[in-house]
Amino acid sequence: MPLHEFELIDRFFSRLTGGDEAVSCGIGDDAAVLALSPDQELVVSTDTLVSGVHFFGDADPYDVGFKSLAVNLSDMAAMGAQPRWATLALSLPQADMAWLQGFSRGFGDVAERFGVCLIGGDLTRGPLSITGQILGTVPAGAAIRRSGAQPGDDIHVTGTLGLAALALSLLQSDRESAAIPPSSLERLLRPVPRVQAGLALRGTANAMIDLSDGLAGDLGHILVASGAGAVVELSRLPCGDGEGVVSEAEMLRLAVNGGDDYELCFTAPAAARDAITALAGAADCSMTLIGKVVAGSGITWLDEAGNAMSVDAESYQHF
């Protein structure tokens, strides 16, 4: 006998509610109730993943569950927020027990790793689509916004860039997953949000964004919000290793334009360089200086000799 909506929720998701004392009412009622302290602000973000757009229809459900929460956590990292709670809305063509089991395990593993409590959501029949909402907290006034970059700030990125875009380009060219560098495939399917780095950068970074749609576009969002421009040295970009599958020039292009990195791009005063080196060690995450915020607008790209060069810079667009 097929299970009904609430039986499916109880079987696969109720265990993810956890024991967070701030959750006065979680899964099982019409809405969740949360208790917040007066000196904290609530940070909220929502992401939707659609089959055939954000993941392949035949993707491992564990990976889909993993990524659906990880991408939301990356938004918390970009704000310097402590992730606390999540809601989940699932649209499914049918009640596939094996798919739900794999999905809930992937989602649950990320939730456990980052201390996130699932407090509610919705389950309905329809095209495969996952909408996750993440809620976190920051001390009042401490959220790191896109609009704080100032001329003279250094520009940094965490981790390496371009690996997820490499895997995606190879998959889209019908390359068998076994022929794709494992480190690249891992970055695409199971991105690790830089939550600890985001928390560590509170009070140091002036502006920050997560790199979901590509460095060129996402850094551009900081610059527009801050009313500033930037100079970026291409030779400084921490490009991932193409492992002989693609050229260095192609990896550089993927680092500039490719999405799905879920690294952080942030600006900070030059005087904070030593502090950032220490923070990178504490967060177990590399932080690379790639350029500078300047007066004006747009991004000037420099080659190894320091000369401005033309770069075909674009980023992922949803429409």
C-alpha atoms as a PDB file:
ATOM      1  CA  MET A   1       0.000   0.000   0.000  1.00  0.00           C
ATOM      2  CA  PRO A   2       1.479   3.407  -0.974  1.00  0.00           C
ATOM      3  CA  LEU A   3       2.318   5.775   1.838  1.00  0.00           C
ATOM      4  CA  HIS A   4       0.539   9.106   2.134  1.00  0.00           C
ATOM      5  CA  GLU A   5       2.218  12.531   2.369  1.00  0.00           C
ATOM      6  CA  PHE A   6       2.438  12.689   6.161  1.00  0.00           C
ATOM      7  CA  GLU A   7       3.622   9.093   6.418  1.00  0.00           C
ATOM      8  CA  LEU A   8       6.429   9.880   3.948  1.00  0.00           C
ATOM      9  CA  ILE A   9       7.411  12.956   5.951  1.00  0.00           C
ATOM     10  CA  ASP A  10       7.413  10.948   9.163  1.00  0.00           C
ATOM     11  CA  ARG A  11       9.487   8.123   7.675  1.00  0.00           C
ATOM     12  CA  PHE A  12      12.152  10.149   5.885  1.00  0.00           C
ATOM     13  CA  PHE A  13      12.343  13.618   7.458  1.00  0.00           C
ATOM     14  CA  SER A  14      10.979  13.804  11.012  1.00  0.00           C
ATOM     15  CA  ARG A  15      14.240  12.434  12.423  1.00  0.00           C
ATOM     16  CA  LEU A  16      16.038  15.521  11.090  1.00  0.00           C
ATOM     17  CA  THR A  17      14.212  17.858  13.463  1.00  0.00           C
ATOM     18  CA  GLY A  18      16.830  17.187  16.147  1.00  0.00           C
ATOM     19  CA  GLY A  19      16.850  18.548  19.690  1.00  0.00           C
ATOM     20  CA  ASP A  20      17.401  22.275  19.213  1.00  0.00           C
ATOM     21  CA  GLU A  21      15.966  23.981  22.305  1.00  0.00           C
ATOM     22  CA  ALA A  22      15.165  27.104  20.263  1.00  0.00           C
ATOM     23  CA  VAL A  23      12.591  25.108  18.274  1.00  0.00           C
ATOM     24  CA  SER A  24       9.374  25.529  20.244  1.00  0.00           C
ATOM     25  CA  CYS A  25       7.423  23.747  17.505  1.00  0.00           C
ATOM     26  CA  GLY A  26       8.936  21.894  14.547  1.00  0.00           C
ATOM     27  CA  ILE A  27       7.757  19.287  12.038  1.00  0.00           C
ATOM     28  CA  GLY A  28       4.167  18.158  12.561  1.00  0.00           C
ATOM     29  CA  ASP A  29       2.258  21.414  12.933  1.00  0.00           C
ATOM     30  CA  ASP A  30       1.031  24.098  10.516  1.00  0.00           C
ATOM     31  CA  ALA A  31       4.160  26.197  11.062  1.00  0.00           C
ATOM     32  CA  ALA A  32       7.380  26.141  13.025  1.00  0.00           C
ATOM     33  CA  VAL A  33       7.922  28.321  16.088  1.00  0.00           C
ATOM     34  CA  LEU A  34      11.422  29.539  16.964  1.00  0.00           C
ATOM     35  CA  ALA A  35      12.691  31.340  20.046  1.00  0.00           C
ATOM     36  CA  LEU A  36      15.300  34.036  19.338  1.00  0.00           C
ATOM     37  CA  SER A  37      17.388  36.000  21.828  1.00  0.00           C
ATOM     38  CA  PRO A  38      17.000  39.805  21.661  1.00  0.00           C
ATOM     39  CA  ASP A  39      20.624  40.440  20.659  1.00  0.00           C
ATOM     40  CA  GLN A  40      20.448  38.198  17.569  1.00  0.00           C
ATOM     41  CA  GLU A  41      19.211  38.914  14.045  1.00  0.00           C
ATOM     42  CA  LEU A  42      17.585  36.280  11.833  1.00  0.00           C
ATOM     43  CA  VAL A  43      19.195  35.614   8.429  1.00  0.00           C
ATOM     44  CA  VAL A  44      17.039  33.831   5.826  1.00  0.00           C
ATOM     45  CA  SER A  45      17.807  32.488   2.335  1.00  0.00           C
ATOM     46  CA  THR A  46      15.967  30.278  -0.162  1.00  0.00           C
ATOM     47  CA  ASP A  47      17.260  28.213  -3.095  1.00  0.00           C
ATOM     48  CA  THR A  48      15.409  26.047  -5.596  1.00  0.00           C
ATOM     49  CA  LEU A  49      16.969  23.152  -7.499  1.00  0.00           C
ATOM     50  CA  VAL A  50      15.059  21.909 -10.553  1.00  0.00           C
ATOM     51  CA  SER A  51      15.673  18.587 -12.277  1.00  0.00           C
ATOM     52  CA  GLY A  52      17.256  19.125 -15.686  1.00  0.00           C
ATOM     53  CA  VAL A  53      18.373  22.648 -14.762  1.00  0.00           C
ATOM     54  CA  HIS A  54      20.389  22.377 -11.541  1.00  0.00           C
ATOM     55  CA  PHE A  55      21.013  18.624 -11.548  1.00  0.00           C
ATOM     56  CA  PHE A  56      20.702  15.776 -14.007  1.00  0.00           C
ATOM     57  CA  GLY A  57      17.452  13.832 -13.820  1.00  0.00           C
ATOM     58  CA  ASP A  58      19.307  10.565 -13.192  1.00  0.00           C
ATOM     59  CA  ALA A  59      21.575  12.036 -10.491  1.00  0.00           C
ATOM     60  CA  ASP A  60      22.233  10.003  -7.350  1.00  0.00           C
ATOM     61  CA  PRO A  61      19.521  11.106  -4.877  1.00  0.00           C
ATOM     62  CA  TYR A  62      22.134  11.224  -2.087  1.00  0.00           C
ATOM     63  CA  ASP A  63      24.054  13.858  -4.057  1.00  0.00           C
ATOM     64  CA  VAL A  64      20.861  15.820  -4.765  1.00  0.00           C
ATOM     65  CA  GLY A  65      19.974  15.847  -1.066  1.00  0.00           C
ATOM     66  CA  PHE A  66      23.516  16.799  -0.108  1.00  0.00           C
ATOM     67  CA  LYS A  67      23.710  19.692  -2.575  1.00  0.00           C
ATOM     68  CA  SER A  68      20.201  20.994  -1.879  1.00  0.00           C
ATOM     69  CA  LEU A  69      21.193  21.875   1.679  1.00  0.00           C
ATOM     70  CA  ALA A  70      24.844  22.730   0.973  1.00  0.00           C
ATOM     71  CA  VAL A  71      23.986  25.523  -1.479  1.00  0.00           C
ATOM     72  CA  ASN A  72      21.712  27.134   1.112  1.00  0.00           C
ATOM     73  CA  LEU A  73      24.428  26.891   3.740  1.00  0.00           C
ATOM     74  CA  SER A  74      26.782  28.682   1.361  1.00  0.00           C
ATOM     75  CA  ASP A  75      24.453  31.694   1.501  1.00  0.00           C
ATOM     76  CA  MET A  76      24.678  31.652   5.293  1.00  0.00           C
ATOM     77  CA  ALA A  77      28.470  31.529   5.024  1.00  0.00           C
ATOM     78  CA  ALA A  78      28.449  34.567   2.737  1.00  0.00           C
ATOM     79  CA  MET A  79      26.557  36.579   5.363  1.00  0.00           C
ATOM     80  CA  GLY A  80      28.786  35.456   8.231  1.00  0.00           C
ATOM     81  CA  ALA A  81      25.747  33.762   9.777  1.00  0.00           C
ATOM     82  CA  GLN A  82      25.505  30.684  11.969  1.00  0.00           C
ATOM     83  CA  PRO A  83      23.108  28.270  10.220  1.00  0.00           C
ATOM     84  CA  ARG A  84      20.452  26.932  12.575  1.00  0.00           C
ATOM     85  CA  TRP A  85      17.255  25.728  10.899  1.00  0.00           C
ATOM     86  CA  ALA A  86      15.961  24.657   7.501  1.00  0.00           C
ATOM     87  CA  THR A  87      12.648  24.071   5.763  1.00  0.00           C
ATOM     88  CA  LEU A  88      12.262  21.820   2.729  1.00  0.00           C
ATOM     89  CA  ALA A  89       9.619  21.794  -0.017  1.00  0.00           C
ATOM     90  CA  LEU A  90       9.762  18.733  -2.277  1.00  0.00           C
ATOM     91  CA  SER A  91       7.820  18.259  -5.488  1.00  0.00           C
ATOM     92  CA  LEU A  92       8.026  14.623  -6.655  1.00  0.00           C
ATOM     93  CA  PRO A  93       6.576  12.878  -9.733  1.00  0.00           C
ATOM     94  CA  GLN A  94       5.906   9.849  -7.540  1.00  0.00           C
ATOM     95  CA  ALA A  95       6.615   8.516  -4.057  1.00  0.00           C
ATOM     96  CA  ASP A  96       9.845   6.652  -4.863  1.00  0.00           C
ATOM     97  CA  MET A  97      10.976   5.061  -1.598  1.00  0.00           C
ATOM     98  CA  ALA A  98      14.563   4.418  -2.722  1.00  0.00           C
ATOM     99  CA  TRP A  99      14.942   7.978  -4.028  1.00  0.00           C
ATOM    100  CA  LEU A 100      13.555   9.473  -0.816  1.00  0.00           C
ATOM    101  CA  GLN A 101      15.828   7.285   1.279  1.00  0.00           C
ATOM    102  CA  GLY A 102      18.942   8.421  -0.603  1.00  0.00           C
ATOM    103  CA  PHE A 103      17.865  12.058  -0.692  1.00  0.00           C
ATOM    104  CA  SER A 104      17.080  12.224   3.017  1.00  0.00           C
ATOM    105  CA  ARG A 105      20.434  10.588   3.870  1.00  0.00           C
ATOM    106  CA  GLY A 106      22.354  13.158   1.812  1.00  0.00           C
ATOM    107  CA  PHE A 107      20.376  16.062   3.241  1.00  0.00           C
ATOM    108  CA  GLY A 108      20.687  14.618   6.747  1.00  0.00           C
ATOM    109  CA  ASP A 109      24.457  14.129   6.558  1.00  0.00           C
ATOM    110  CA  VAL A 110      24.963  17.804   5.692  1.00  0.00           C
ATOM    111  CA  ALA A 111      22.465  18.874   8.370  1.00  0.00           C
ATOM    112  CA  GLU A 112      24.294  16.856  11.019  1.00  0.00           C
ATOM    113  CA  ARG A 113      27.710  18.126   9.959  1.00  0.00           C
ATOM    114  CA  PHE A 114      26.658  21.781  10.252  1.00  0.00           C
ATOM    115  CA  GLY A 115      24.227  21.489  13.155  1.00  0.00           C
ATOM    116  CA  VAL A 116      21.114  22.328  11.144  1.00  0.00           C
ATOM    117  CA  CYS A 117      17.646  21.326  12.337  1.00  0.00           C
ATOM    118  CA  LEU A 118      14.886  20.624   9.760  1.00  0.00           C
ATOM    119  CA  ILE A 119      11.773  22.305  11.145  1.00  0.00           C
ATOM    120  CA  GLY A 120       9.154  21.951   8.405  1.00  0.00           C
ATOM    121  CA  GLY A 121       8.277  22.227   4.739  1.00  0.00           C
ATOM    122  CA  ASP A 122       5.974  20.626   2.194  1.00  0.00           C
ATOM    123  CA  LEU A 123       5.706  17.483   0.077  1.00  0.00           C
ATOM    124  CA  THR A 124       3.600  17.399  -3.076  1.00  0.00           C
ATOM    125  CA  ARG A 125       3.222  15.639  -6.437  1.00  0.00           C
ATOM    126  CA  GLY A 126       4.678  17.378  -9.488  1.00  0.00           C
ATOM    127  CA  PRO A 127       7.884  17.771 -11.549  1.00  0.00           C
ATOM    128  CA  LEU A 128      11.001  17.003  -9.525  1.00  0.00           C
ATOM    129  CA  SER A 129      11.946  20.209  -7.733  1.00  0.00           C
ATOM    130  CA  ILE A 130      13.561  20.957  -4.376  1.00  0.00           C
ATOM    131  CA  THR A 131      13.203  24.262  -2.551  1.00  0.00           C
ATOM    132  CA  GLY A 132      15.209  24.686   0.616  1.00  0.00           C
ATOM    133  CA  GLN A 133      15.061  27.582   2.998  1.00  0.00           C
ATOM    134  CA  ILE A 134      17.832  28.133   5.515  1.00  0.00           C
ATOM    135  CA  LEU A 135      17.590  30.288   8.628  1.00  0.00           C
ATOM    136  CA  GLY A 136      20.555  31.412  10.667  1.00  0.00           C
ATOM    137  CA  THR A 137      21.557  33.972  13.248  1.00  0.00           C
ATOM    138  CA  VAL A 138      24.130  36.722  13.583  1.00  0.00           C
ATOM    139  CA  PRO A 139      24.824  39.141  16.417  1.00  0.00           C
ATOM    140  CA  ALA A 140      22.830  42.295  15.772  1.00  0.00           C
ATOM    141  CA  GLY A 141      24.542  44.420  13.119  1.00  0.00           C
ATOM    142  CA  ALA A 142      27.234  41.823  12.318  1.00  0.00           C
ATOM    143  CA  ALA A 143      25.948  40.392   9.008  1.00  0.00           C
ATOM    144  CA  ILE A 144      28.435  40.801   6.145  1.00  0.00           C
ATOM    145  CA  ARG A 145      26.663  42.396   3.196  1.00  0.00           C
ATOM    146  CA  ARG A 146      27.595  42.892  -0.455  1.00  0.00           C
ATOM    147  CA  SER A 147      27.466  46.661  -0.135  1.00  0.00           C
ATOM    148  CA  GLY A 148      30.416  47.243   2.207  1.00  0.00           C
ATOM    149  CA  ALA A 149      33.375  47.137  -0.215  1.00  0.00           C
ATOM    150  CA  GLN A 150      35.533  50.272  -0.149  1.00  0.00           C
ATOM    151  CA  PRO A 151      38.212  51.548  -2.561  1.00  0.00           C
ATOM    152  CA  GLY A 152      41.550  50.298  -1.257  1.00  0.00           C
ATOM    153  CA  ASP A 153      40.137  47.002   0.014  1.00  0.00           C
ATOM    154  CA  ASP A 154      41.867  43.797  -0.971  1.00  0.00           C
ATOM    155  CA  ILE A 155      39.784  41.178  -2.797  1.00  0.00           C
ATOM    156  CA  HIS A 156      40.167  37.567  -1.661  1.00  0.00           C
ATOM    157  CA  VAL A 157      38.624  34.220  -2.583  1.00  0.00           C
ATOM    158  CA  THR A 158      38.565  31.008  -0.592  1.00  0.00           C
ATOM    159  CA  GLY A 159      39.590  27.609  -1.915  1.00  0.00           C
ATOM    160  CA  THR A 160      40.023  26.872  -5.616  1.00  0.00           C
ATOM    161  CA  LEU A 161      37.936  27.939  -8.590  1.00  0.00           C
ATOM    162  CA  GLY A 162      36.689  26.225 -11.732  1.00  0.00           C
ATOM    163  CA  LEU A 163      36.608  22.565 -10.699  1.00  0.00           C
ATOM    164  CA  ALA A 164      32.827  22.244 -10.508  1.00  0.00           C
ATOM    165  CA  ALA A 165      32.438  24.002 -13.855  1.00  0.00           C
ATOM    166  CA  LEU A 166      34.986  21.598 -15.357  1.00  0.00           C
ATOM    167  CA  ALA A 167      32.965  18.576 -14.235  1.00  0.00           C
ATOM    168  CA  LEU A 168      29.737  20.096 -15.529  1.00  0.00           C
ATOM    169  CA  SER A 169      31.218  20.896 -18.929  1.00  0.00           C
ATOM    170  CA  LEU A 170      32.517  17.339 -19.258  1.00  0.00           C
ATOM    171  CA  LEU A 171      29.191  15.819 -18.239  1.00  0.00           C
ATOM    172  CA  GLN A 172      27.357  18.057 -20.690  1.00  0.00           C
ATOM    173  CA  SER A 173      29.667  16.808 -23.438  1.00  0.00           C
ATOM    174  CA  ASP A 174      28.540  13.242 -22.605  1.00  0.00           C
ATOM    175  CA  ARG A 175      31.830  12.357 -20.941  1.00  0.00           C
ATOM    176  CA  GLU A 176      31.417   9.331 -18.672  1.00  0.00           C
ATOM    177  CA  SER A 177      31.673  10.313 -15.013  1.00  0.00           C
ATOM    178  CA  ALA A 178      34.465   7.745 -14.533  1.00  0.00           C
ATOM    179  CA  ALA A 179      36.589   9.788 -16.985  1.00  0.00           C
ATOM    180  CA  ILE A 180      36.146  13.037 -15.046  1.00  0.00           C
ATOM    181  CA  PRO A 181      38.791  13.970 -12.429  1.00  0.00           C
ATOM    182  CA  PRO A 182      37.343  12.778  -9.083  1.00  0.00           C
ATOM    183  CA  SER A 183      38.176  16.040  -7.306  1.00  0.00           C
ATOM    184  CA  SER A 184      36.251  17.950  -9.958  1.00  0.00           C
ATOM    185  CA  LEU A 185      33.202  15.675  -9.836  1.00  0.00           C
ATOM    186  CA  GLU A 186      33.150  15.843  -6.029  1.00  0.00           C
ATOM    187  CA  ARG A 187      33.111  19.643  -6.115  1.00  0.00           C
ATOM    188  CA  LEU A 188      30.129  19.652  -8.479  1.00  0.00           C
ATOM    189  CA  LEU A 189      28.037  16.988  -6.769  1.00  0.00           C
ATOM    190  CA  ARG A 190      28.907  17.583  -3.107  1.00  0.00           C
ATOM    191  CA  PRO A 191      30.085  21.170  -2.582  1.00  0.00           C
ATOM    192  CA  VAL A 192      31.267  21.975   0.930  1.00  0.00           C
ATOM    193  CA  PRO A 193      29.957  25.360   2.104  1.00  0.00           C
ATOM    194  CA  ARG A 194      32.554  27.614   3.744  1.00  0.00           C
ATOM    195  CA  VAL A 195      30.543  28.141   6.924  1.00  0.00           C
ATOM    196  CA  GLN A 196      33.539  28.288   9.282  1.00  0.00           C
ATOM    197  CA  ALA A 197      35.351  30.729   7.011  1.00  0.00           C
ATOM    198  CA  GLY A 198      32.277  32.958   6.875  1.00  0.00           C
ATOM    199  CA  LEU A 199      31.959  32.980  10.650  1.00  0.00           C
ATOM    200  CA  ALA A 200      35.684  33.662  11.059  1.00  0.00           C
ATOM    201  CA  LEU A 201      35.512  36.670   8.721  1.00  0.00           C
ATOM    202  CA  ARG A 202      32.889  38.511  10.776  1.00  0.00           C
ATOM    203  CA  GLY A 203      34.414  41.805  11.847  1.00  0.00           C
ATOM    204  CA  THR A 204      37.180  41.545   9.225  1.00  0.00           C
ATOM    205  CA  ALA A 205      35.499  41.348   5.812  1.00  0.00           C
ATOM    206  CA  ASN A 206      33.778  44.507   4.579  1.00  0.00           C
ATOM    207  CA  ALA A 207      31.734  42.738   1.877  1.00  0.00           C
ATOM    208  CA  MET A 208      31.201  39.113   0.872  1.00  0.00           C
ATOM    209  CA  ILE A 209      29.324  36.888  -1.568  1.00  0.00           C
ATOM    210  CA  ASP A 210      29.329  33.182  -2.354  1.00  0.00           C
ATOM    211  CA  LEU A 211      30.516  32.137  -5.806  1.00  0.00           C
ATOM    212  CA  SER A 212      27.518  30.263  -7.173  1.00  0.00           C
ATOM    213  CA  ASP A 213      27.293  31.805 -10.654  1.00  0.00           C
ATOM    214  CA  GLY A 214      30.951  32.559 -11.399  1.00  0.00           C
ATOM    215  CA  LEU A 215      33.616  34.982 -10.137  1.00  0.00           C
ATOM    216  CA  ALA A 216      33.042  37.594 -12.850  1.00  0.00           C
ATOM    217  CA  GLY A 217      29.333  37.891 -12.190  1.00  0.00           C
ATOM    218  CA  ASP A 218      29.352  37.454  -8.421  1.00  0.00           C
ATOM    219  CA  LEU A 219      32.202  39.903  -7.778  1.00  0.00           C
ATOM    220  CA  GLY A 220      30.278  42.209 -10.076  1.00  0.00           C
ATOM    221  CA  HIS A 221      27.320  42.045  -7.665  1.00  0.00           C
ATOM    222  CA  ILE A 222      29.564  43.268  -4.823  1.00  0.00           C
ATOM    223  CA  LEU A 223      30.842  46.121  -6.973  1.00  0.00           C
ATOM    224  CA  VAL A 224      27.382  47.254  -8.060  1.00  0.00           C
ATOM    225  CA  ALA A 225      26.060  47.098  -4.490  1.00  0.00           C
ATOM    226  CA  SER A 226      29.104  48.996  -3.203  1.00  0.00           C
ATOM    227  CA  GLY A 227      29.332  51.542  -6.013  1.00  0.00           C
ATOM    228  CA  ALA A 228      32.932  50.615  -6.769  1.00  0.00           C
ATOM    229  CA  GLY A 229      35.198  48.965  -9.329  1.00  0.00           C
ATOM    230  CA  ALA A 230      37.923  46.323  -9.129  1.00  0.00           C
ATOM    231  CA  VAL A 231      41.278  45.310 -10.531  1.00  0.00           C
ATOM    232  CA  VAL A 232      41.850  41.541 -10.616  1.00  0.00           C
ATOM    233  CA  GLU A 233      45.198  39.871 -11.387  1.00  0.00           C
ATOM    234  CA  LEU A 234      44.422  36.741 -13.401  1.00  0.00           C
ATOM    235  CA  SER A 235      47.735  35.134 -12.457  1.00  0.00           C
ATOM    236  CA  ARG A 236      46.656  35.149  -8.807  1.00  0.00           C
ATOM    237  CA  LEU A 237      43.435  33.189  -9.318  1.00  0.00           C
ATOM    238  CA  PRO A 238      43.592  29.855  -7.460  1.00  0.00           C
ATOM    239  CA  CYS A 239      42.518  27.709 -10.406  1.00  0.00           C
ATOM    240  CA  GLY A 240      41.804  24.041  -9.835  1.00  0.00           C
ATOM    241  CA  ASP A 241      43.965  21.420 -11.528  1.00  0.00           C
ATOM    242  CA  GLY A 242      42.550  20.291 -14.867  1.00  0.00           C
ATOM    243  CA  GLU A 243      44.654  17.103 -14.524  1.00  0.00           C
ATOM    244  CA  GLY A 244      45.499  17.151 -18.233  1.00  0.00           C
ATOM    245  CA  VAL A 245      41.845  16.988 -19.262  1.00  0.00           C
ATOM    246  CA  VAL A 246      41.786  20.672 -20.251  1.00  0.00           C
ATOM    247  CA  SER A 247      44.444  23.337 -20.759  1.00  0.00           C
ATOM    248  CA  GLU A 248      45.523  25.924 -18.188  1.00  0.00           C
ATOM    249  CA  ALA A 249      43.871  28.582 -20.341  1.00  0.00           C
ATOM    250  CA  GLU A 250      40.565  26.704 -20.179  1.00  0.00           C
ATOM    251  CA  MET A 251      40.839  26.276 -16.413  1.00  0.00           C
ATOM    252  CA  LEU A 252      41.400  30.021 -16.134  1.00  0.00           C
ATOM    253  CA  ARG A 253      38.270  30.642 -18.202  1.00  0.00           C
ATOM    254  CA  LEU A 254      36.284  28.269 -15.976  1.00  0.00           C
ATOM    255  CA  ALA A 255      37.658  29.984 -12.861  1.00  0.00           C
ATOM    256  CA  VAL A 256      36.447  33.371 -14.144  1.00  0.00           C
ATOM    257  CA  ASN A 257      33.082  32.318 -15.557  1.00  0.00           C
ATOM    258  CA  GLY A 258      32.190  28.930 -14.123  1.00  0.00           C
ATOM    259  CA  GLY A 259      29.537  28.521 -11.473  1.00  0.00           C
ATOM    260  CA  ASP A 260      28.902  26.012  -8.697  1.00  0.00           C
ATOM    261  CA  ASP A 261      32.174  26.681  -6.833  1.00  0.00           C
ATOM    262  CA  TYR A 262      30.375  27.804  -3.651  1.00  0.00           C
ATOM    263  CA  GLU A 263      33.571  29.449  -2.470  1.00  0.00           C
ATOM    264  CA  LEU A 264      33.530  32.899  -0.879  1.00  0.00           C
ATOM    265  CA  CYS A 265      34.688  36.143  -2.449  1.00  0.00           C
ATOM    266  CA  PHE A 266      35.247  38.944   0.038  1.00  0.00           C
ATOM    267  CA  THR A 267      36.881  42.325   0.440  1.00  0.00           C
ATOM    268  CA  ALA A 268      38.849  43.498   3.457  1.00  0.00           C
ATOM    269  CA  PRO A 269      41.274  46.303   4.346  1.00  0.00           C
ATOM    270  CA  ALA A 270      44.890  45.703   3.296  1.00  0.00           C
ATOM    271  CA  ALA A 271      45.851  46.074   6.958  1.00  0.00           C
ATOM    272  CA  ALA A 272      43.974  42.829   7.671  1.00  0.00           C
ATOM    273  CA  ARG A 273      46.217  40.593   5.530  1.00  0.00           C
ATOM    274  CA  ASP A 274      48.039  38.991   8.450  1.00  0.00           C
ATOM    275  CA  ALA A 275      44.758  38.488  10.305  1.00  0.00           C
ATOM    276  CA  ILE A 276      43.238  36.827   7.226  1.00  0.00           C
ATOM    277  CA  THR A 277      46.200  34.449   6.979  1.00  0.00           C
ATOM    278  CA  ALA A 278      45.565  33.428  10.584  1.00  0.00           C
ATOM    279  CA  LEU A 279      41.824  33.089   9.995  1.00  0.00           C
ATOM    280  CA  ALA A 280      42.441  30.881   6.956  1.00  0.00           C
ATOM    281  CA  GLY A 281      44.484  28.509   9.086  1.00  0.00           C
ATOM    282  CA  ALA A 282      41.862  28.405  11.824  1.00  0.00           C
ATOM    283  CA  ALA A 283      39.082  27.780   9.281  1.00  0.00           C
ATOM    284  CA  ASP A 284      41.169  25.132   7.453  1.00  0.00           C
ATOM    285  CA  CYS A 285      40.502  26.962   4.203  1.00  0.00           C
ATOM    286  CA  SER A 286      42.882  28.794   1.881  1.00  0.00           C
ATOM    287  CA  MET A 287      42.202  32.485   1.264  1.00  0.00           C
ATOM    288  CA  THR A 288      43.897  34.011  -1.781  1.00  0.00           C
ATOM    289  CA  LEU A 289      44.444  37.698  -2.499  1.00  0.00           C
ATOM    290  CA  ILE A 290      43.411  38.279  -6.135  1.00  0.00           C
ATOM    291  CA  GLY A 291      42.991  42.015  -6.553  1.00  0.00           C
ATOM    292  CA  LYS A 292      41.864  45.346  -5.214  1.00  0.00           C
ATOM    293  CA  VAL A 293      38.715  47.448  -4.976  1.00  0.00           C
ATOM    294  CA  VAL A 294      39.086  50.781  -6.764  1.00  0.00           C
ATOM    295  CA  ALA A 295      36.972  53.838  -7.451  1.00  0.00           C
ATOM    296  CA  GLY A 296      34.798  53.584 -10.534  1.00  0.00           C
ATOM    297  CA  SER A 297      32.888  50.603 -11.819  1.00  0.00           C
ATOM    298  CA  GLY A 298      33.370  47.218 -13.450  1.00  0.00           C
ATOM    299  CA  ILE A 299      36.345  44.841 -13.358  1.00  0.00           C
ATOM    300  CA  THR A 300      39.728  45.441 -14.972  1.00  0.00           C
ATOM    301  CA  TRP A 301      41.559  42.154 -15.609  1.00  0.00           C
ATOM    302  CA  LEU A 302      45.374  42.196 -15.577  1.00  0.00           C
ATOM    303  CA  ASP A 303      47.753  39.710 -17.197  1.00  0.00           C
ATOM    304  CA  GLU A 304      51.025  38.516 -15.617  1.00  0.00           C
ATOM    305  CA  ALA A 305      52.837  41.632 -16.795  1.00  0.00           C
ATOM    306  CA  GLY A 306      50.252  43.871 -15.153  1.00  0.00           C
ATOM    307  CA  ASN A 307      48.679  44.947 -18.430  1.00  0.00           C
ATOM    308  CA  ALA A 308      44.924  45.269 -18.811  1.00  0.00           C
ATOM    309  CA  MET A 309      43.513  42.595 -21.069  1.00  0.00           C
ATOM    310  CA  SER A 310      40.166  41.773 -22.573  1.00  0.00           C
ATOM    311  CA  VAL A 311      38.382  38.879 -20.870  1.00  0.00           C
ATOM    312  CA  ASP A 312      35.208  37.283 -22.141  1.00  0.00           C
ATOM    313  CA  ALA A 313      33.649  37.490 -18.699  1.00  0.00           C
ATOM    314  CA  GLU A 314      30.159  36.159 -18.200  1.00  0.00           C
ATOM    315  CA  SER A 315      28.298  34.258 -15.523  1.00  0.00           C
ATOM    316  CA  TYR A 316      25.353  31.917 -15.299  1.00  0.00           C
ATOM    317  CA  GLN A 317      21.991  33.564 -15.921  1.00  0.00           C
ATOM    318  CA  HIS A 318      18.725  31.938 -14.854  1.00  0.00           C
ATOM    319  CA  PHE A 319      16.732  33.735 -17.540  1.00  0.00           C
END
